[in-house]
Amino acid sequence: MTPRDLLTPERLRGVLLDVDGTLADSNLAHARAWSAALRGEGFEKTPEDIFPLIGMGGDKLVPELTGLDAESERGQRLTDGWVRHFRELIPDLRPTPGARALIEGLRARGLRVALATSGEAEIVDALLRQIGLDDLELERVSSSDVENSKPDPDLVQAGLHTLGLPAGAALMVGDTPYDAEAARKAGVPCVLLRCGGHPGVEGHDSLYDDPQALLAALDKAFPVE
């Protein structure tokens, strides 16, 4: 299936959107927050060390970086530390180019839209307020709603349930290889965006610079009537 085919009205009925790196320019802030949390527990990891893992949920990232069980007492302190440090960085964050326009463009075509993010629900709330998307009142699934985060398919599968659509009628939009892997395991076609800064997206079959570029492609493949 070509990138254009993914966006045609004959196929597409709903879209699952990642948040961090896709709608919010927040991946580096997450890496910095995790670095600070790890340092507080005696682990020396730079934001550059951590950045390639951003996009995984904390349940995956903590053991990957430390060997600890994320559910252990120390693992939970790390997660709590990340939340605390990231919250301090939220006031400086901005939306990615065209984030709001993309959502409005999807809705203008009658498509169902939901967020599917590995972020904790309370953090996602604060982030959406900061980037000016909270008023859109998007349906969502987050790591708080499922047992396993990306790259496991749980979030995408839960998102399909929220949309009320089969996998073949949906599209996942993300910015990391973990989004693509989760979508593939759930049988959902995926588009990746470069704006999150993850080097692992290069070479993906359907790749756009940012939401603005994806909307431009959508305008060609799926014009608004």
Protein backbone atom coordinates (compact mmCIF):
# COMPACT_ATOMS: atom_id res chain seq x y z
CA MET A 1 0.00 0.00 0.00
CA THR A 2 1.47 3.37 -1.04
CA PRO A 3 1.54 6.38 1.32
CA ARG A 4 -1.23 7.96 -0.74
CA ASP A 5 -3.36 4.82 -0.51
CA LEU A 6 -3.24 5.04 3.28
CA LEU A 7 -5.01 8.40 3.16
CA THR A 8 -7.80 7.79 0.65
CA PRO A 9 -11.48 8.16 1.62
CA GLU A 10 -12.14 4.65 0.28
CA ARG A 11 -10.04 3.22 3.14
CA LEU A 12 -9.62 5.73 5.93
CA ARG A 13 -12.30 6.19 8.57
CA GLY A 14 -10.33 7.02 11.73
CA VAL A 15 -6.92 8.09 13.03
CA LEU A 16 -4.96 7.34 16.19
CA LEU A 17 -2.52 10.10 17.10
CA ASP A 18 0.53 9.82 19.31
CA VAL A 19 1.17 12.95 21.40
CA ASP A 20 4.83 13.36 22.39
CA GLY A 21 6.94 14.24 19.36
CA THR A 22 3.89 14.02 17.10
CA LEU A 23 1.64 16.81 18.39
CA ALA A 24 3.97 18.24 21.06
CA ASP A 25 7.66 19.03 20.66
CA SER A 26 8.41 17.27 23.93
CA ASN A 27 10.74 14.33 23.31
CA LEU A 28 13.91 16.08 24.45
CA ALA A 29 12.11 17.33 27.57
CA HIS A 30 11.19 13.74 28.40
CA ALA A 31 14.80 12.67 27.96
CA ARG A 32 15.96 15.46 30.26
CA ALA A 33 13.35 14.57 32.86
CA TRP A 34 14.33 10.90 32.84
CA SER A 35 18.01 11.85 33.11
CA ALA A 36 17.31 13.95 36.21
CA ALA A 37 15.16 11.20 37.75
CA LEU A 38 17.84 8.59 37.12
CA ARG A 39 20.55 10.80 38.59
CA GLY A 40 18.46 11.10 41.73
CA GLU A 41 18.60 7.30 42.07
CA GLY A 42 22.33 7.04 41.35
CA PHE A 43 22.19 6.25 37.60
CA GLU A 44 24.25 8.45 35.30
CA LYS A 45 22.50 8.63 31.95
CA THR A 46 22.59 11.69 29.74
CA PRO A 47 19.56 12.93 27.80
CA GLU A 48 21.41 11.84 24.67
CA ASP A 49 21.67 8.31 26.07
CA ILE A 50 17.95 8.25 26.77
CA PHE A 51 16.55 10.05 23.72
CA PRO A 52 16.48 6.98 21.40
CA LEU A 53 14.22 5.21 23.91
CA ILE A 54 11.66 8.00 24.18
CA GLY A 55 8.38 6.69 22.82
CA MET A 56 8.44 3.60 24.99
CA GLY A 57 6.33 3.66 28.12
CA GLY A 58 8.01 3.88 31.49
CA ASP A 59 7.30 0.18 32.06
CA LYS A 60 9.72 -0.54 29.21
CA LEU A 61 12.15 2.36 29.61
CA VAL A 62 13.02 1.82 33.30
CA PRO A 63 14.23 -1.78 32.90
CA GLU A 64 15.96 -0.93 29.62
CA LEU A 65 18.02 1.80 31.29
CA THR A 66 18.53 0.34 34.75
CA GLY A 67 17.67 -3.35 34.84
CA LEU A 68 15.07 -2.57 37.52
CA ASP A 69 11.48 -3.72 37.47
CA ALA A 70 9.38 -0.62 36.83
CA GLU A 71 6.90 -1.87 39.44
CA SER A 72 9.56 -2.20 42.13
CA GLU A 73 9.85 0.43 44.85
CA ARG A 74 12.93 1.95 43.25
CA GLY A 75 11.43 1.71 39.78
CA GLN A 76 8.35 3.56 41.00
CA ARG A 77 10.53 6.28 42.51
CA LEU A 78 12.15 6.72 39.11
CA THR A 79 8.78 7.08 37.43
CA ASP A 80 7.60 9.54 40.07
CA GLY A 81 10.82 11.50 39.58
CA TRP A 82 10.32 11.65 35.84
CA VAL A 83 6.77 12.98 36.30
CA ARG A 84 8.01 15.64 38.73
CA HIS A 85 10.88 16.80 36.51
CA PHE A 86 8.85 16.71 33.30
CA ARG A 87 6.05 18.73 34.83
CA GLU A 88 8.59 21.52 35.48
CA LEU A 89 9.49 21.57 31.77
CA ILE A 90 5.95 21.67 30.37
CA PRO A 91 5.62 25.51 30.41
CA ASP A 92 8.39 25.74 27.78
CA LEU A 93 6.89 23.22 25.35
CA ARG A 94 5.22 24.03 22.05
CA PRO A 95 3.06 22.16 19.51
CA THR A 96 4.67 20.67 16.44
CA PRO A 97 4.01 22.53 13.16
CA GLY A 98 0.43 22.03 12.05
CA ALA A 99 -0.66 19.95 15.05
CA ARG A 100 -4.01 21.65 15.52
CA ALA A 101 -4.63 22.08 11.81
CA LEU A 102 -4.14 18.35 11.26
CA ILE A 103 -6.72 17.42 13.89
CA GLU A 104 -9.18 19.94 12.52
CA GLY A 105 -8.52 18.67 9.00
CA LEU A 106 -9.19 15.08 10.05
CA ARG A 107 -12.44 16.07 11.70
CA ALA A 108 -13.49 18.16 8.70
CA ARG A 109 -13.38 14.94 6.68
CA GLY A 110 -15.67 13.19 9.14
CA LEU A 111 -12.88 10.97 10.44
CA ARG A 112 -12.90 9.66 13.99
CA VAL A 113 -9.87 10.82 15.95
CA ALA A 114 -8.36 9.57 19.22
CA LEU A 115 -5.05 9.91 21.02
CA ALA A 116 -2.96 6.80 21.70
CA THR A 117 -0.04 7.74 23.93
CA SER A 118 2.35 5.99 26.29
CA GLY A 119 2.22 9.08 28.54
CA GLU A 120 0.58 9.01 31.95
CA ALA A 121 -2.94 10.48 31.87
CA GLU A 122 -2.16 13.38 34.22
CA ILE A 123 0.87 14.38 32.16
CA VAL A 124 -1.07 14.18 28.91
CA ASP A 125 -3.72 16.50 30.36
CA ALA A 126 -1.12 19.10 31.29
CA LEU A 127 0.65 18.78 27.96
CA LEU A 128 -2.53 19.23 25.92
CA ARG A 129 -3.35 22.37 27.89
CA GLN A 130 0.12 23.76 27.26
CA ILE A 131 0.03 23.18 23.49
CA GLY A 132 -3.52 24.49 23.18
CA LEU A 133 -5.30 21.29 22.17
CA ASP A 134 -7.28 20.55 25.33
CA ASP A 135 -10.37 22.37 24.04
CA LEU A 136 -10.70 19.83 21.23
CA GLU A 137 -11.74 17.25 23.85
CA LEU A 138 -10.20 14.34 22.00
CA GLU A 139 -10.94 10.80 23.03
CA ARG A 140 -7.84 8.98 24.17
CA VAL A 141 -6.15 5.89 25.50
CA SER A 142 -2.95 6.16 27.53
CA SER A 143 -0.59 3.90 29.43
CA SER A 144 -2.93 4.32 32.40
CA ASP A 145 -5.60 2.37 30.49
CA VAL A 146 -3.61 -0.69 29.36
CA GLU A 147 -1.33 -3.31 30.80
CA ASN A 148 1.58 -2.84 28.39
CA SER A 149 2.77 0.32 26.64
CA LYS A 150 4.40 0.75 23.22
CA PRO A 151 5.95 -1.05 21.43
CA ASP A 152 3.40 -3.65 22.56
CA PRO A 153 0.14 -3.31 20.62
CA ASP A 154 -2.15 -2.78 23.64
CA LEU A 155 -2.55 0.99 23.16
CA VAL A 156 -3.32 0.69 19.47
CA GLN A 157 -5.80 -2.11 20.07
CA ALA A 158 -7.49 -0.06 22.79
CA GLY A 159 -7.53 2.90 20.42
CA LEU A 160 -9.30 0.84 17.77
CA HIS A 161 -11.92 -0.06 20.34
CA THR A 162 -12.34 3.63 21.21
CA LEU A 163 -12.71 4.51 17.53
CA GLY A 164 -15.06 1.59 16.96
CA LEU A 165 -13.17 0.61 13.82
CA PRO A 166 -11.40 -2.43 12.38
CA ALA A 167 -7.63 -2.19 11.93
CA GLY A 168 -7.91 -1.88 8.16
CA ALA A 169 -9.97 1.32 8.38
CA ALA A 170 -7.63 3.14 10.76
CA LEU A 171 -4.27 4.89 10.64
CA MET A 172 -1.68 5.36 13.38
CA VAL A 173 0.33 8.59 13.28
CA GLY A 174 3.47 8.65 15.41
CA ASP A 175 7.10 9.73 15.46
CA THR A 176 9.15 6.77 16.70
CA PRO A 177 9.83 3.17 15.64
CA TYR A 178 7.88 2.12 18.75
CA ASP A 179 4.71 3.65 17.30
CA ALA A 180 5.30 1.76 14.07
CA GLU A 181 5.97 -1.53 15.86
CA ALA A 182 2.87 -1.22 18.04
CA ALA A 183 0.75 -0.42 14.98
CA ARG A 184 2.21 -3.31 12.98
CA LYS A 185 1.47 -5.78 15.78
CA ALA A 186 -2.12 -4.51 15.87
CA GLY A 187 -2.45 -4.71 12.08
CA VAL A 188 -2.90 -0.95 11.69
CA PRO A 189 -1.14 1.01 8.90
CA CYS A 190 1.22 3.68 10.26
CA VAL A 191 2.58 7.05 9.22
CA LEU A 192 5.65 8.45 11.00
CA LEU A 193 6.73 12.09 11.39
CA ARG A 194 10.30 13.41 11.54
CA CYS A 195 9.44 16.29 13.88
CA GLY A 196 10.01 14.15 16.98
CA GLY A 197 13.70 13.94 16.07
CA HIS A 198 14.03 10.15 16.33
CA PRO A 199 16.69 8.90 13.88
CA GLY A 200 15.05 5.49 13.72
CA VAL A 201 12.15 6.73 11.61
CA GLU A 202 14.24 7.18 8.47
CA GLY A 203 13.46 4.49 5.96
CA HIS A 204 9.87 4.01 7.12
CA ASP A 205 7.58 3.55 4.11
CA SER A 206 5.26 6.47 4.97
CA LEU A 207 7.24 9.38 6.36
CA TYR A 208 6.41 13.10 6.61
CA ASP A 209 8.21 16.04 8.21
CA ASP A 210 5.42 17.10 10.58
CA PRO A 211 1.62 17.28 10.96
CA GLN A 212 1.52 20.18 8.51
CA ALA A 213 3.15 18.05 5.80
CA LEU A 214 0.81 15.15 6.53
CA LEU A 215 -2.18 17.46 6.20
CA ALA A 216 -0.89 18.65 2.83
CA ALA A 217 -0.72 15.01 1.67
CA LEU A 218 -4.21 14.41 3.03
CA ASP A 219 -5.52 17.41 1.08
CA LYS A 220 -4.38 15.71 -2.13
CA ALA A 221 -5.52 12.15 -1.35
CA PHE A 222 -8.69 12.99 0.58
CA PRO A 223 -10.04 16.44 -0.40
CA VAL A 224 -12.68 18.02 1.82
CA GLU A 225 -16.01 17.92 0.04
